Amino acid sequence: MKKKKLIYILLAAVLLTGLGCAGKSGLDVMYYKKAVEELTIESIDLNSVKDGTYMGSYDARLVAATVKVTVEGGKIMDIKLMKHKNERGKAGEAVVDEILKQQSLDVDAVSGATNSSRIIMKAVENALEKGFTGI
């Protein structure tokens, strides 16, 4: 009888652990969807950003990006993608080249990697805001 009770306790523990993990990942998915849905990317006047190198990031749990942006003379000279946690959005990293080329955050997201593209753009925006003088 004790052996049967122990088996039930172990089964219950395994089930609860499994439900806990599923619940956490389910919450991550919900947070991710909401974070991406509410994501806005604002234009920043590069002439109002002081020369320097700025770090920026954006984290939507399942997808996240950290960038280092160098600004000189009102131009983005370099964007280094320090971290890009993605699921299937590696192609979104091409948005960095487009931002550099256009000298703007008003660029199209990479098709098939829209969320990763937008999260990288938001990380760049957050970096640029650190050097924004508001002039």
C-alpha atoms as a PDB file:
ATOM      1  CA  MET A   1       0.000   0.000   0.000  1.00  0.00           C
ATOM      2  CA  LYS A   2       2.858   2.379   0.834  1.00  0.00           C
ATOM      3  CA  LYS A   3       4.447   1.646  -2.543  1.00  0.00           C
ATOM      4  CA  LYS A   4       1.220   2.526  -4.390  1.00  0.00           C
ATOM      5  CA  LYS A   5       0.877   5.787  -2.444  1.00  0.00           C
ATOM      6  CA  LEU A   6       4.484   6.713  -3.290  1.00  0.00           C
ATOM      7  CA  ILE A   7       3.820   6.075  -6.994  1.00  0.00           C
ATOM      8  CA  TYR A   8       0.758   8.372  -6.893  1.00  0.00           C
ATOM      9  CA  ILE A   9       2.756  11.098  -5.181  1.00  0.00           C
ATOM     10  CA  LEU A  10       5.538  10.821  -7.771  1.00  0.00           C
ATOM     11  CA  LEU A  11       3.026  10.907 -10.645  1.00  0.00           C
ATOM     12  CA  ALA A  12       1.350  13.970  -9.172  1.00  0.00           C
ATOM     13  CA  ALA A  13       4.729  15.705  -8.796  1.00  0.00           C
ATOM     14  CA  VAL A  14       5.666  14.929 -12.399  1.00  0.00           C
ATOM     15  CA  LEU A  15       2.301  16.196 -13.677  1.00  0.00           C
ATOM     16  CA  LEU A  16       2.479  19.396 -11.648  1.00  0.00           C
ATOM     17  CA  THR A  17       6.030  20.047 -12.818  1.00  0.00           C
ATOM     18  CA  GLY A  18       4.966  19.525 -16.427  1.00  0.00           C
ATOM     19  CA  LEU A  19       1.992  21.845 -16.037  1.00  0.00           C
ATOM     20  CA  GLY A  20       4.213  24.459 -14.420  1.00  0.00           C
ATOM     21  CA  CYS A  21       6.626  24.394 -17.360  1.00  0.00           C
ATOM     22  CA  ALA A  22       3.810  24.535 -19.893  1.00  0.00           C
ATOM     23  CA  GLY A  23       2.245  27.436 -18.000  1.00  0.00           C
ATOM     24  CA  LYS A  24       5.495  29.393 -17.965  1.00  0.00           C
ATOM     25  CA  SER A  25       6.143  28.953 -21.673  1.00  0.00           C
ATOM     26  CA  GLY A  26       2.504  29.798 -22.341  1.00  0.00           C
ATOM     27  CA  LEU A  27       2.963  33.025 -20.392  1.00  0.00           C
ATOM     28  CA  ASP A  28       6.131  33.768 -22.382  1.00  0.00           C
ATOM     29  CA  VAL A  29       4.200  33.341 -25.639  1.00  0.00           C
ATOM     30  CA  MET A  30       1.406  35.618 -24.397  1.00  0.00           C
ATOM     31  CA  TYR A  31       3.923  38.269 -23.272  1.00  0.00           C
ATOM     32  CA  TYR A  32       5.794  37.998 -26.601  1.00  0.00           C
ATOM     33  CA  LYS A  33       2.658  38.404 -28.691  1.00  0.00           C
ATOM     34  CA  LYS A  34       1.532  41.415 -26.668  1.00  0.00           C
ATOM     35  CA  ALA A  35       5.005  43.026 -26.697  1.00  0.00           C
ATOM     36  CA  VAL A  36       5.298  42.675 -30.488  1.00  0.00           C
ATOM     37  CA  GLU A  37       1.717  43.788 -31.080  1.00  0.00           C
ATOM     38  CA  GLU A  38       2.230  46.985 -29.043  1.00  0.00           C
ATOM     39  CA  LEU A  39       5.697  47.709 -30.448  1.00  0.00           C
ATOM     40  CA  THR A  40       6.061  51.141 -32.027  1.00  0.00           C
ATOM     41  CA  ILE A  41       9.203  52.493 -33.615  1.00  0.00           C
ATOM     42  CA  GLU A  42       9.648  56.251 -33.592  1.00  0.00           C
ATOM     43  CA  SER A  43      11.774  58.245 -36.007  1.00  0.00           C
ATOM     44  CA  ILE A  44      14.702  60.023 -34.402  1.00  0.00           C
ATOM     45  CA  ASP A  45      16.307  63.122 -35.887  1.00  0.00           C
ATOM     46  CA  LEU A  46      19.921  61.995 -36.169  1.00  0.00           C
ATOM     47  CA  ASN A  47      21.072  65.631 -36.104  1.00  0.00           C
ATOM     48  CA  SER A  48      19.800  65.727 -32.518  1.00  0.00           C
ATOM     49  CA  VAL A  49      21.895  62.751 -31.414  1.00  0.00           C
ATOM     50  CA  LYS A  50      25.263  63.561 -29.855  1.00  0.00           C
ATOM     51  CA  ASP A  51      28.318  61.880 -31.306  1.00  0.00           C
ATOM     52  CA  GLY A  52      29.082  58.710 -29.410  1.00  0.00           C
ATOM     53  CA  THR A  53      28.452  55.023 -29.063  1.00  0.00           C
ATOM     54  CA  TYR A  54      25.258  53.912 -27.386  1.00  0.00           C
ATOM     55  CA  MET A  55      23.900  50.551 -26.271  1.00  0.00           C
ATOM     56  CA  GLY A  56      20.250  49.720 -26.706  1.00  0.00           C
ATOM     57  CA  SER A  57      18.108  46.656 -26.291  1.00  0.00           C
ATOM     58  CA  TYR A  58      14.587  45.363 -26.500  1.00  0.00           C
ATOM     59  CA  ASP A  59      13.394  42.115 -24.977  1.00  0.00           C
ATOM     60  CA  ALA A  60      10.105  40.412 -25.825  1.00  0.00           C
ATOM     61  CA  ARG A  61      11.173  37.232 -23.977  1.00  0.00           C
ATOM     62  CA  LEU A  62      11.133  34.852 -26.941  1.00  0.00           C
ATOM     63  CA  VAL A  63      12.903  37.335 -29.210  1.00  0.00           C
ATOM     64  CA  ALA A  64      15.370  39.957 -27.992  1.00  0.00           C
ATOM     65  CA  ALA A  65      18.132  42.150 -29.359  1.00  0.00           C
ATOM     66  CA  THR A  66      21.012  44.217 -28.003  1.00  0.00           C
ATOM     67  CA  VAL A  67      22.871  46.634 -30.259  1.00  0.00           C
ATOM     68  CA  LYS A  68      25.771  49.054 -30.089  1.00  0.00           C
ATOM     69  CA  VAL A  69      25.204  52.106 -32.295  1.00  0.00           C
ATOM     70  CA  THR A  70      27.897  54.639 -33.211  1.00  0.00           C
ATOM     71  CA  VAL A  71      26.797  58.117 -34.311  1.00  0.00           C
ATOM     72  CA  GLU A  72      29.076  60.755 -35.781  1.00  0.00           C
ATOM     73  CA  GLY A  73      28.113  64.076 -37.347  1.00  0.00           C
ATOM     74  CA  GLY A  74      24.398  63.261 -37.460  1.00  0.00           C
ATOM     75  CA  LYS A  75      24.977  59.913 -39.179  1.00  0.00           C
ATOM     76  CA  ILE A  76      24.834  56.343 -37.982  1.00  0.00           C
ATOM     77  CA  MET A  77      28.344  55.116 -38.671  1.00  0.00           C
ATOM     78  CA  ASP A  78      27.983  51.583 -37.339  1.00  0.00           C
ATOM     79  CA  ILE A  79      25.495  49.212 -35.762  1.00  0.00           C
ATOM     80  CA  LYS A  80      26.844  46.109 -34.084  1.00  0.00           C
ATOM     81  CA  LEU A  81      24.329  43.436 -33.218  1.00  0.00           C
ATOM     82  CA  MET A  82      25.649  42.249 -29.859  1.00  0.00           C
ATOM     83  CA  LYS A  83      22.851  39.762 -29.170  1.00  0.00           C
ATOM     84  CA  HIS A  84      19.876  38.503 -31.133  1.00  0.00           C
ATOM     85  CA  LYS A  85      17.786  35.834 -29.479  1.00  0.00           C
ATOM     86  CA  ASN A  86      15.402  34.591 -32.132  1.00  0.00           C
ATOM     87  CA  GLU A  87      13.356  31.618 -33.102  1.00  0.00           C
ATOM     88  CA  ARG A  88      13.255  31.628 -36.894  1.00  0.00           C
ATOM     89  CA  GLY A  89      14.099  35.294 -37.337  1.00  0.00           C
ATOM     90  CA  LYS A  90      17.845  35.234 -38.039  1.00  0.00           C
ATOM     91  CA  ALA A  91      17.126  36.757 -41.468  1.00  0.00           C
ATOM     92  CA  GLY A  92      15.822  39.843 -39.644  1.00  0.00           C
ATOM     93  CA  GLU A  93      19.410  40.813 -38.906  1.00  0.00           C
ATOM     94  CA  ALA A  94      19.585  42.194 -42.466  1.00  0.00           C
ATOM     95  CA  VAL A  95      17.551  45.169 -41.242  1.00  0.00           C
ATOM     96  CA  VAL A  96      20.774  46.553 -39.716  1.00  0.00           C
ATOM     97  CA  ASP A  97      22.252  47.082 -43.181  1.00  0.00           C
ATOM     98  CA  GLU A  98      19.063  48.758 -44.350  1.00  0.00           C
ATOM     99  CA  ILE A  99      19.046  51.167 -41.374  1.00  0.00           C
ATOM    100  CA  LEU A 100      22.667  52.092 -42.156  1.00  0.00           C
ATOM    101  CA  LYS A 101      21.909  52.533 -45.855  1.00  0.00           C
ATOM    102  CA  GLN A 102      18.769  54.640 -45.308  1.00  0.00           C
ATOM    103  CA  GLN A 103      20.124  56.422 -42.195  1.00  0.00           C
ATOM    104  CA  SER A 104      16.657  55.946 -40.740  1.00  0.00           C
ATOM    105  CA  LEU A 105      14.529  53.614 -38.663  1.00  0.00           C
ATOM    106  CA  ASP A 106      11.765  54.029 -41.227  1.00  0.00           C
ATOM    107  CA  VAL A 107      12.723  50.901 -43.170  1.00  0.00           C
ATOM    108  CA  ASP A 108      10.813  47.801 -44.150  1.00  0.00           C
ATOM    109  CA  ALA A 109      11.045  44.723 -41.965  1.00  0.00           C
ATOM    110  CA  VAL A 110      12.634  41.662 -43.521  1.00  0.00           C
ATOM    111  CA  SER A 111       9.938  39.427 -44.992  1.00  0.00           C
ATOM    112  CA  GLY A 112       9.600  36.211 -43.018  1.00  0.00           C
ATOM    113  CA  ALA A 113      11.403  37.770 -40.028  1.00  0.00           C
ATOM    114  CA  THR A 114       9.144  40.722 -39.312  1.00  0.00           C
ATOM    115  CA  ASN A 115       9.155  40.426 -35.525  1.00  0.00           C
ATOM    116  CA  SER A 116      12.919  40.008 -35.273  1.00  0.00           C
ATOM    117  CA  SER A 117      13.410  42.962 -37.632  1.00  0.00           C
ATOM    118  CA  ARG A 118      11.143  45.186 -35.566  1.00  0.00           C
ATOM    119  CA  ILE A 119      12.762  44.147 -32.294  1.00  0.00           C
ATOM    120  CA  ILE A 120      16.204  44.996 -33.712  1.00  0.00           C
ATOM    121  CA  MET A 121      14.857  48.364 -34.933  1.00  0.00           C
ATOM    122  CA  LYS A 122      13.452  49.069 -31.464  1.00  0.00           C
ATOM    123  CA  ALA A 123      16.821  48.227 -29.900  1.00  0.00           C
ATOM    124  CA  VAL A 124      18.483  50.729 -32.284  1.00  0.00           C
ATOM    125  CA  GLU A 125      15.861  53.341 -31.381  1.00  0.00           C
ATOM    126  CA  ASN A 126      16.507  52.768 -27.672  1.00  0.00           C
ATOM    127  CA  ALA A 127      20.251  53.215 -28.261  1.00  0.00           C
ATOM    128  CA  LEU A 128      19.779  56.443 -30.227  1.00  0.00           C
ATOM    129  CA  GLU A 129      17.487  57.870 -27.552  1.00  0.00           C
ATOM    130  CA  LYS A 130      20.391  57.739 -25.100  1.00  0.00           C
ATOM    131  CA  GLY A 131      22.249  60.305 -27.203  1.00  0.00           C
ATOM    132  CA  PHE A 132      19.186  62.379 -28.108  1.00  0.00           C
ATOM    133  CA  THR A 133      19.539  66.022 -27.115  1.00  0.00           C
ATOM    134  CA  GLY A 134      16.006  67.064 -28.034  1.00  0.00           C
ATOM    135  CA  ILE A 135      17.263  70.042 -30.055  1.00  0.00           C
END
